[in-house]
Protein backbone atom coordinates (compact mmCIF):
# COMPACT_ATOMS: atom_id res chain seq x y z
CA MET A 1 -0.01 0.00 -0.05
CA ARG A 2 1.42 3.35 -0.78
CA ILE A 3 2.61 5.47 2.07
CA LYS A 4 0.10 8.37 1.49
CA TYR A 5 -2.84 5.84 2.02
CA LEU A 6 -0.98 3.93 4.79
CA LEU A 7 -0.24 6.72 7.21
CA PRO A 8 -3.98 7.87 7.83
CA LEU A 9 -4.80 4.26 8.56
CA LEU A 10 -2.12 4.02 11.09
CA LEU A 11 -2.61 7.23 12.79
CA PHE A 12 -6.24 7.68 12.62
CA PRO A 13 -8.02 4.45 11.77
CA ALA A 14 -11.49 5.37 12.78
CA ALA A 15 -11.38 8.71 10.89
CA SER A 16 -9.83 6.81 7.92
CA LEU A 17 -12.72 4.36 7.76
CA ARG A 18 -15.19 7.25 7.58
CA ALA A 19 -13.11 8.92 4.94
CA ALA A 20 -12.73 5.89 2.81
CA GLY A 21 -16.46 5.29 2.89
CA ALA A 22 -17.29 8.78 1.94
CA GLU A 23 -18.13 9.75 -1.67
CA GLY A 24 -15.65 11.74 -3.45
CA GLU A 25 -14.98 13.53 -6.88
CA LEU A 26 -15.60 12.28 -10.40
CA SER A 27 -12.16 13.11 -11.79
CA PRO A 28 -10.20 10.32 -10.45
CA PHE A 29 -12.52 7.84 -12.55
CA LEU A 30 -11.52 10.26 -15.68
CA GLY A 31 -7.83 9.64 -15.60
CA LYS A 32 -5.86 8.02 -18.55
CA PRO A 33 -8.11 5.25 -19.89
CA SER A 34 -6.94 1.92 -18.89
CA LEU A 35 -7.72 -1.56 -18.91
CA ASP A 36 -6.17 -4.92 -17.89
CA ILE A 37 -7.41 -8.50 -17.28
CA GLN A 38 -5.87 -11.34 -15.16
CA GLN A 39 -6.82 -14.79 -14.01
CA VAL A 40 -7.67 -14.83 -10.30
CA PHE A 41 -9.14 -18.39 -9.47
CA LYS A 42 -8.93 -21.80 -11.21
CA GLY A 43 -11.85 -24.21 -11.78
CA GLU A 44 -15.28 -24.21 -10.20
CA ARG A 45 -17.66 -21.10 -10.36
CA PHE A 46 -19.43 -18.17 -8.77
CA GLY A 47 -17.53 -15.05 -7.98
CA ASN A 48 -18.09 -12.00 -6.06
CA ILE A 49 -16.03 -8.92 -5.49
CA VAL A 50 -15.97 -5.68 -3.20
CA VAL A 51 -13.33 -3.14 -2.08
CA THR A 52 -12.81 -3.09 1.78
CA MET A 53 -12.70 0.16 3.93
CA LYS A 54 -8.91 -0.06 3.67
CA GLY A 55 -8.80 -0.24 -0.16
CA THR A 56 -8.18 -4.04 -0.33
CA VAL A 57 -9.82 -5.63 -3.45
CA LEU A 58 -11.51 -8.64 -2.03
CA ALA A 59 -12.63 -11.49 -4.65
CA THR A 60 -14.44 -14.66 -3.53
CA TRP A 61 -15.18 -18.03 -5.38
CA GLY A 62 -15.98 -21.67 -5.10
CA THR A 63 -18.63 -24.52 -4.96
CA SER A 64 -16.54 -27.21 -3.02
CA HIS A 65 -15.33 -24.49 -0.56
CA VAL A 66 -15.64 -20.79 -0.37
CA ARG A 67 -12.34 -18.98 -0.54
CA ALA A 68 -11.11 -15.34 -1.18
CA LYS A 69 -8.04 -13.63 -2.66
CA ARG A 70 -6.92 -10.18 -1.66
CA SER A 71 -5.21 -7.43 -3.58
CA GLU A 72 -3.69 -4.52 -1.58
CA ASP A 73 -2.33 -2.63 -4.63
CA GLY A 74 -5.46 -1.81 -6.44
CA GLY A 75 -5.82 -5.06 -8.30
CA LYS A 76 -2.35 -5.28 -9.77
CA THR A 77 -1.41 -8.29 -7.86
CA TRP A 78 -3.20 -11.04 -5.82
CA GLY A 79 -2.33 -12.96 -2.67
CA GLU A 80 -2.74 -16.57 -1.73
CA GLU A 81 -6.02 -18.22 -1.38
CA ILE A 82 -7.72 -17.81 2.02
CA VAL A 83 -10.53 -20.27 2.86
CA ILE A 84 -13.55 -18.87 4.31
CA ALA A 85 -15.57 -22.17 4.64
CA ARG A 86 -14.74 -25.64 3.83
CA PRO A 87 -16.89 -27.36 2.68
CA GLY A 88 -19.19 -24.58 1.51
CA PHE A 89 -21.05 -23.17 -1.38
CA GLN A 90 -20.56 -19.62 -2.59
CA THR A 91 -23.59 -17.42 -2.57
CA GLY A 92 -22.34 -14.09 -3.38
CA GLY A 93 -23.59 -11.10 -1.38
CA LEU A 94 -20.28 -10.18 0.17
CA THR A 95 -21.05 -7.18 2.32
CA VAL A 96 -18.62 -4.60 3.50
CA ASN A 97 -19.88 -2.74 6.80
CA GLU A 98 -18.82 0.84 6.22
CA THR A 99 -19.32 1.66 9.93
CA ASN A 100 -16.64 -0.66 11.44
CA GLY A 101 -14.81 -2.19 8.42
CA ASP A 102 -16.11 -5.66 8.84
CA ILE A 103 -16.84 -7.80 5.86
CA ILE A 104 -19.50 -10.46 5.84
CA ALA A 105 -19.72 -13.66 3.61
CA PHE A 106 -22.61 -15.68 3.18
CA VAL A 107 -22.15 -19.47 2.71
CA GLU A 108 -24.61 -22.30 1.94
CA ASP A 109 -24.14 -25.99 2.51
CA ARG A 110 -24.67 -26.73 -1.09
CA HIS A 111 -26.60 -25.55 -4.06
CA PRO A 112 -29.69 -23.92 -2.59
CA PRO A 113 -32.24 -23.94 -1.08
CA ALA A 114 -29.90 -25.13 1.90
CA PRO A 115 -28.90 -24.25 5.36
CA ILE A 116 -27.09 -20.89 5.61
CA SER A 117 -23.99 -19.79 7.50
CA ILE A 118 -22.54 -16.27 7.92
CA TYR A 119 -18.86 -15.52 8.37
CA ARG A 120 -17.20 -12.31 9.36
CA SER A 121 -13.71 -10.79 8.83
CA SER A 122 -12.62 -7.99 11.23
CA ASP A 123 -9.09 -7.90 9.75
CA ASP A 124 -9.72 -6.75 6.18
CA GLY A 125 -10.48 -10.18 4.80
CA LYS A 126 -7.20 -12.02 6.13
CA SER A 127 -9.29 -14.33 8.49
CA TRP A 128 -12.86 -15.44 8.95
CA GLN A 129 -14.93 -16.58 11.78
CA LYS A 130 -18.44 -18.27 11.62
CA ILE A 131 -20.82 -15.95 13.51
CA GLU A 132 -24.43 -16.77 15.13
CA THR A 133 -27.05 -14.85 13.20
CA ASN A 134 -30.84 -14.93 12.64
CA ILE A 135 -32.52 -14.44 9.29
CA LYS A 136 -36.28 -13.88 9.52
CA PRO A 137 -38.71 -14.88 6.63
CA ASP A 138 -40.16 -12.32 4.57
CA PRO A 139 -43.76 -11.07 4.92
CA GLU A 140 -45.28 -13.87 3.19
CA GLY A 141 -43.55 -16.38 5.55
CA ASN A 142 -40.88 -17.63 3.12
CA ALA A 143 -37.27 -17.88 4.13
CA PRO A 144 -34.85 -16.36 1.73
CA SER A 145 -32.01 -18.18 -0.10
CA MET A 146 -28.79 -16.17 -0.91
CA HIS A 147 -27.32 -18.02 -4.08
CA MET A 148 -25.48 -15.76 -6.50
CA ASN A 149 -27.11 -12.38 -5.84
CA GLU A 150 -24.69 -9.50 -6.43
CA HIS A 151 -22.62 -8.01 -3.44
CA GLY A 152 -24.41 -6.04 -0.63
CA ILE A 153 -23.85 -2.42 0.48
CA THR A 154 -24.10 -0.12 3.50
CA LEU A 155 -26.62 2.55 3.11
CA ARG A 156 -25.04 6.07 3.38
CA HIS A 157 -28.01 8.45 3.21
CA GLY A 158 -31.40 9.02 5.04
CA LYS A 159 -32.83 7.65 8.22
CA HIS A 160 -31.58 4.19 7.50
CA LYS A 161 -27.99 5.27 7.10
CA GLY A 162 -25.61 2.35 8.20
CA ARG A 163 -28.05 -0.41 7.27
CA LEU A 164 -26.46 -3.43 5.82
CA ILE A 165 -28.42 -4.71 2.67
CA ARG A 166 -27.97 -7.25 0.01
CA PRO A 167 -30.22 -8.90 -2.65
CA SER A 168 -31.72 -12.35 -1.89
CA ARG A 169 -34.30 -14.80 -3.46
CA PHE A 170 -37.14 -17.37 -2.84
CA TYR A 171 -36.57 -20.61 -4.47
CA ALA A 172 -39.95 -22.08 -3.82
CA GLY A 173 -38.36 -25.39 -2.91
CA LYS A 174 -35.80 -25.88 -5.72
CA ASN A 175 -34.47 -24.50 -8.99
CA ASP A 176 -36.86 -26.41 -11.16
CA ARG A 177 -38.40 -25.20 -14.25
CA SER A 178 -42.03 -26.18 -13.00
CA LEU A 179 -41.55 -23.86 -9.99
CA TRP A 180 -40.06 -20.87 -11.74
CA PRO A 181 -43.56 -18.88 -11.82
CA LYS A 182 -43.43 -19.11 -7.97
CA HIS A 183 -39.68 -17.90 -7.62
CA TYR A 184 -38.82 -14.28 -6.74
CA THR A 185 -36.16 -12.01 -5.71
CA ASN A 186 -36.07 -9.80 -2.54
CA ALA A 187 -33.41 -8.52 -0.06
CA ILE A 188 -32.32 -8.93 3.42
CA PHE A 189 -31.13 -6.11 5.67
CA SER A 190 -29.69 -5.70 9.15
CA ASP A 191 -29.42 -2.75 11.39
CA ASP A 192 -27.23 -4.44 13.99
CA GLY A 193 -24.03 -5.09 12.04
CA GLY A 194 -25.07 -8.51 10.78
CA LYS A 195 -26.21 -10.22 13.94
CA SER A 196 -29.92 -10.26 12.71
CA TRP A 197 -31.50 -9.88 9.43
CA GLN A 198 -35.06 -8.85 8.09
CA THR A 199 -36.28 -9.98 4.79
CA SER A 200 -38.00 -7.49 2.44
CA HIS A 201 -41.32 -7.86 0.40
CA PRO A 202 -41.03 -9.70 -2.81
CA PHE A 203 -39.81 -7.88 -5.96
CA PRO A 204 -43.14 -7.22 -7.80
CA ALA A 205 -42.51 -9.73 -10.55
CA LYS A 206 -42.33 -13.65 -10.34
CA GLY A 207 -39.68 -15.81 -12.06
CA THR A 208 -36.96 -13.61 -10.80
CA GLY A 209 -33.54 -14.60 -9.38
CA GLU A 210 -30.18 -13.29 -8.79
CA ALA A 211 -30.61 -9.54 -8.42
CA THR A 212 -28.45 -6.42 -7.70
CA LEU A 213 -28.95 -3.22 -6.03
CA ALA A 214 -27.34 0.15 -5.50
CA GLU A 215 -28.18 3.16 -3.22
CA LEU A 216 -28.57 6.44 -5.20
CA SER A 217 -27.58 9.86 -3.90
CA ASP A 218 -30.86 10.76 -2.58
CA GLY A 219 -31.24 7.47 -0.64
CA THR A 220 -33.44 5.66 -3.00
CA ILE A 221 -32.60 2.05 -3.51
CA TYR A 222 -32.22 1.01 -7.26
CA TYR A 223 -32.97 -2.72 -7.88
CA ASN A 224 -32.16 -4.65 -10.90
CA THR A 225 -32.91 -8.29 -11.38
CA ARG A 226 -32.45 -11.41 -13.59
CA ARG A 227 -35.81 -12.97 -14.80
CA HIS A 228 -36.01 -16.35 -16.55
CA TRP A 229 -39.65 -16.71 -16.46
CA ALA A 230 -42.41 -14.25 -17.20
CA GLU A 231 -46.17 -14.10 -17.93
CA GLU A 232 -47.45 -14.58 -21.46
CA GLY A 233 -46.35 -11.43 -23.54
CA ALA A 234 -43.77 -10.26 -21.00
CA ASN A 235 -40.11 -10.48 -22.21
CA PRO A 236 -37.84 -12.06 -19.67
CA ARG A 237 -34.62 -11.52 -21.79
CA ARG A 238 -33.91 -8.13 -20.77
CA ARG A 239 -33.51 -6.83 -17.15
CA TRP A 240 -36.37 -5.69 -14.86
CA THR A 241 -35.96 -2.99 -12.20
CA ALA A 242 -37.72 -1.23 -9.25
CA THR A 243 -36.91 1.18 -6.44
CA SER A 244 -37.31 1.47 -2.69
CA ILE A 245 -37.85 4.52 -0.65
CA ASP A 246 -38.13 2.67 2.70
CA GLY A 247 -34.60 1.35 3.07
CA GLY A 248 -35.20 -1.83 1.11
CA MET A 249 -38.32 -2.94 2.75
CA SER A 250 -40.89 -2.77 -0.16
CA TRP A 251 -40.30 -2.11 -4.09
CA LYS A 252 -42.33 -0.14 -6.41
CA ASP A 253 -42.19 1.44 -9.95
CA MET A 254 -41.37 -1.98 -11.69
CA LYS A 255 -40.06 -1.40 -15.05
CA PHE A 256 -38.83 -3.48 -18.02
CA CYS A 257 -35.28 -2.27 -18.97
CA GLU A 258 -35.08 -2.78 -22.62
CA VAL A 259 -31.44 -1.67 -23.09
CA LEU A 260 -29.89 -4.20 -20.71
CA PRO A 261 -29.57 -7.77 -21.76
CA ASP A 262 -30.27 -10.57 -19.19
CA GLY A 263 -27.50 -12.88 -20.67
CA PRO A 264 -27.80 -14.49 -24.11
CA GLN A 265 -30.82 -13.45 -26.18
CA ASN A 266 -31.44 -17.06 -27.55
CA THR A 267 -32.79 -18.14 -24.16
CA ASN A 268 -34.99 -17.03 -21.44
CA TYR A 269 -32.78 -18.36 -18.72
CA GLY A 270 -30.86 -15.27 -18.04
CA CYS A 271 -27.43 -14.64 -16.35
CA MET A 272 -26.08 -13.27 -13.24
CA ALA A 273 -25.16 -9.67 -13.76
CA GLY A 274 -23.02 -7.12 -11.70
CA LEU A 275 -23.91 -3.69 -10.70
CA THR A 276 -22.14 -0.91 -8.77
CA ARG A 277 -22.63 2.84 -8.12
CA LEU A 278 -19.47 4.96 -8.33
CA ALA A 279 -18.59 6.82 -5.12
CA VAL A 280 -19.10 10.14 -6.55
CA LYS A 281 -20.88 12.74 -4.39
CA GLY A 282 -24.20 13.89 -5.77
CA ARG A 283 -23.92 11.82 -9.01
CA ASP A 284 -25.80 8.59 -9.90
CA ILE A 285 -23.21 6.80 -12.08
CA LEU A 286 -24.02 3.09 -12.33
CA ILE A 287 -22.04 0.31 -14.04
CA TYR A 288 -23.73 -2.88 -15.12
CA SER A 289 -21.96 -5.90 -16.40
CA ASN A 290 -23.34 -9.04 -18.37
CA CYS A 291 -22.65 -10.88 -21.37
CA ASP A 292 -23.82 -9.22 -24.61
CA SER A 293 -24.40 -12.08 -27.08
CA PRO A 294 -27.08 -13.50 -29.31
CA GLY A 295 -26.33 -16.93 -28.12
CA GLY A 296 -23.93 -18.44 -25.55
CA ARG A 297 -22.23 -16.87 -22.54
CA HIS A 298 -19.50 -14.62 -24.05
CA HIS A 299 -18.82 -11.08 -25.20
CA GLY A 300 -18.63 -9.67 -21.42
CA THR A 301 -19.63 -5.94 -21.80
CA VAL A 302 -20.17 -3.17 -19.40
CA TRP A 303 -22.87 -0.38 -19.52
CA ALA A 304 -22.81 2.98 -17.90
CA SER A 305 -25.86 5.14 -16.63
CA PHE A 306 -25.49 8.71 -15.26
CA ASP A 307 -28.86 9.08 -13.96
CA GLY A 308 -29.38 6.35 -11.63
CA GLY A 309 -30.51 3.70 -14.11
CA LYS A 310 -33.00 5.72 -16.13
CA THR A 311 -30.95 5.62 -19.24
CA TRP A 312 -27.81 3.53 -20.27
CA PRO A 313 -26.32 5.59 -23.08
CA VAL A 314 -22.89 3.81 -23.58
CA LYS A 315 -21.56 0.39 -23.44
CA ARG A 316 -17.98 -1.18 -23.95
CA LEU A 317 -16.89 -4.85 -24.68
CA VAL A 318 -14.48 -6.02 -21.86
CA PHE A 319 -13.85 -9.53 -23.04
CA ALA A 320 -15.00 -11.18 -26.32
CA GLY A 321 -14.37 -14.79 -25.10
CA ALA A 322 -16.14 -16.82 -22.32
CA HIS A 323 -17.93 -14.62 -19.78
CA GLY A 324 -20.52 -16.14 -17.50
CA TYR A 325 -21.70 -14.89 -14.04
CA SER A 326 -20.24 -11.56 -13.19
CA SER A 327 -19.82 -9.17 -10.12
CA ILE A 328 -18.64 -5.61 -10.28
CA THR A 329 -17.50 -2.95 -7.91
CA SER A 330 -15.68 0.26 -7.72
CA GLY A 331 -12.81 2.07 -5.81
CA ARG A 332 -13.04 4.04 -2.69
CA PRO A 333 -11.83 7.55 -2.28
CA GLY A 334 -8.94 8.05 -0.08
CA THR A 335 -7.56 4.64 -0.94
CA VAL A 336 -5.25 3.09 -3.78
CA THR A 337 -8.46 1.87 -5.33
CA GLU A 338 -9.86 5.35 -6.03
CA GLY A 339 -10.92 5.91 -9.61
CA MET A 340 -10.99 2.33 -10.62
CA ILE A 341 -13.67 -0.37 -11.46
CA PHE A 342 -13.17 -4.01 -10.83
CA HIS A 343 -15.26 -6.55 -12.74
CA HIS A 344 -15.00 -10.34 -11.73
CA PHE A 345 -16.31 -12.68 -14.07
CA GLU A 346 -16.59 -16.58 -15.04
CA GLY A 347 -14.14 -17.05 -17.96
CA GLY A 348 -11.53 -14.81 -19.14
CA PRO A 349 -8.34 -15.74 -21.02
CA LYS A 350 -7.36 -18.67 -18.93
CA GLY A 351 -10.62 -19.86 -17.77
CA GLY A 352 -11.61 -20.20 -14.12
CA SER A 353 -12.25 -16.60 -13.11
CA ALA A 354 -10.87 -13.25 -14.26
CA VAL A 355 -10.72 -9.78 -12.91
CA ALA A 356 -10.82 -6.84 -15.26
CA ARG A 357 -9.52 -3.56 -13.86
CA PHE A 358 -10.47 -0.30 -15.67
CA ASN A 359 -12.00 3.12 -15.22
CA LEU A 360 -14.78 5.25 -16.65
CA ALA A 361 -12.59 7.10 -19.00
CA TRP A 362 -11.94 3.76 -20.52
CA ILE A 363 -15.59 2.96 -21.02
CA LEU A 364 -16.14 6.44 -22.62
CA GLU A 365 -13.00 6.30 -24.81
CA GLU A 366 -14.42 3.94 -27.44
CA GLY A 367 -17.82 3.02 -25.82
CA LYS A 368 -20.64 2.49 -28.37
CA SER A 369 -23.76 4.43 -28.20
CA THR A 370 -26.78 2.32 -27.00
CA GLY A 371 -29.37 4.91 -28.42
CA ASP A 372 -30.81 5.20 -24.82
CA GLY A 373 -30.14 8.69 -23.88
CA GLU A 374 -26.75 10.52 -24.05
CA VAL A 375 -23.77 10.88 -21.98
CA PRO A 376 -24.11 14.11 -20.09
CA ALA A 377 -21.79 17.10 -20.73
CA TRP A 378 -20.64 17.20 -17.07
CA VAL A 379 -18.82 13.75 -17.69
CA LYS A 380 -16.96 14.72 -20.82
């Protein structure tokens, strides 16, 4: 870690956590355009990625056991694998508590629905301990599953500031085609640092699974979900969105997002996507990741929105080869990650998983217009 980032953490650790969690300026994301891609894990599936309060990039992975790798230099190099749970099944939802720096990982015994365990790291992802927790059922009485929803967040605005929230889902018994019309996504949230969790109302559409969420600058929660089943006449091959103004308890204003693909377009099945909001004060810049292909999981691409998901005017290809499930996060002000975006996906040049590291300037440099709105003048 660079000296200018290390000294504040040593001298003023609490203040540094608050500073690192704050939202900063846009300019660091608009530096010299850059992209690099490197393999991180081998074999198996299911990745997630977050940036810790100290600016460590933390990627998780695995179906036989859940493990992590850390990068302390902004994603340039990666350390050795750290076991979170063995055995264990990766379920996504990795969540950084911006109040105290803890990191929470969710593990299921097998492909869900399955018993859920929660692990916590209080040393920046170096070691993990299983913690006792209680996850309450949703208002319909259904217990949530965690499997492969995008990472969680800490709310930064409004009366629910400090709340931990991550997407979740209801499997209706198992992942069987006959049960898809009963599946739905939702979210779990905690106001006591992860000791107990409440479950939100269902997303207002059935057939959904594997969701993403982000908090906008006014405290609204933007929710974006995969959908592999829909009622007659409703297209499940693009993404579905809604919002929450009550801290993630309920969802309204459901919309069909025609511009964002839900995986390959020759199937209704969809694909897990990534979503992050750049930590820019007063701006709602969202980055979405998925494969952008007529058939097959390849052509991993990112889209940018500058109005909190209302329009997505620009996209850019990250990797033309194999690209399956993905997770995406962005750098924190005051750390070595500031100004960067980190995209963890299944596939890449060597298989297993890869992390692409780039900035907003790279997306804009040769990004293609989607025809859905325009890049605002304040970005250029």
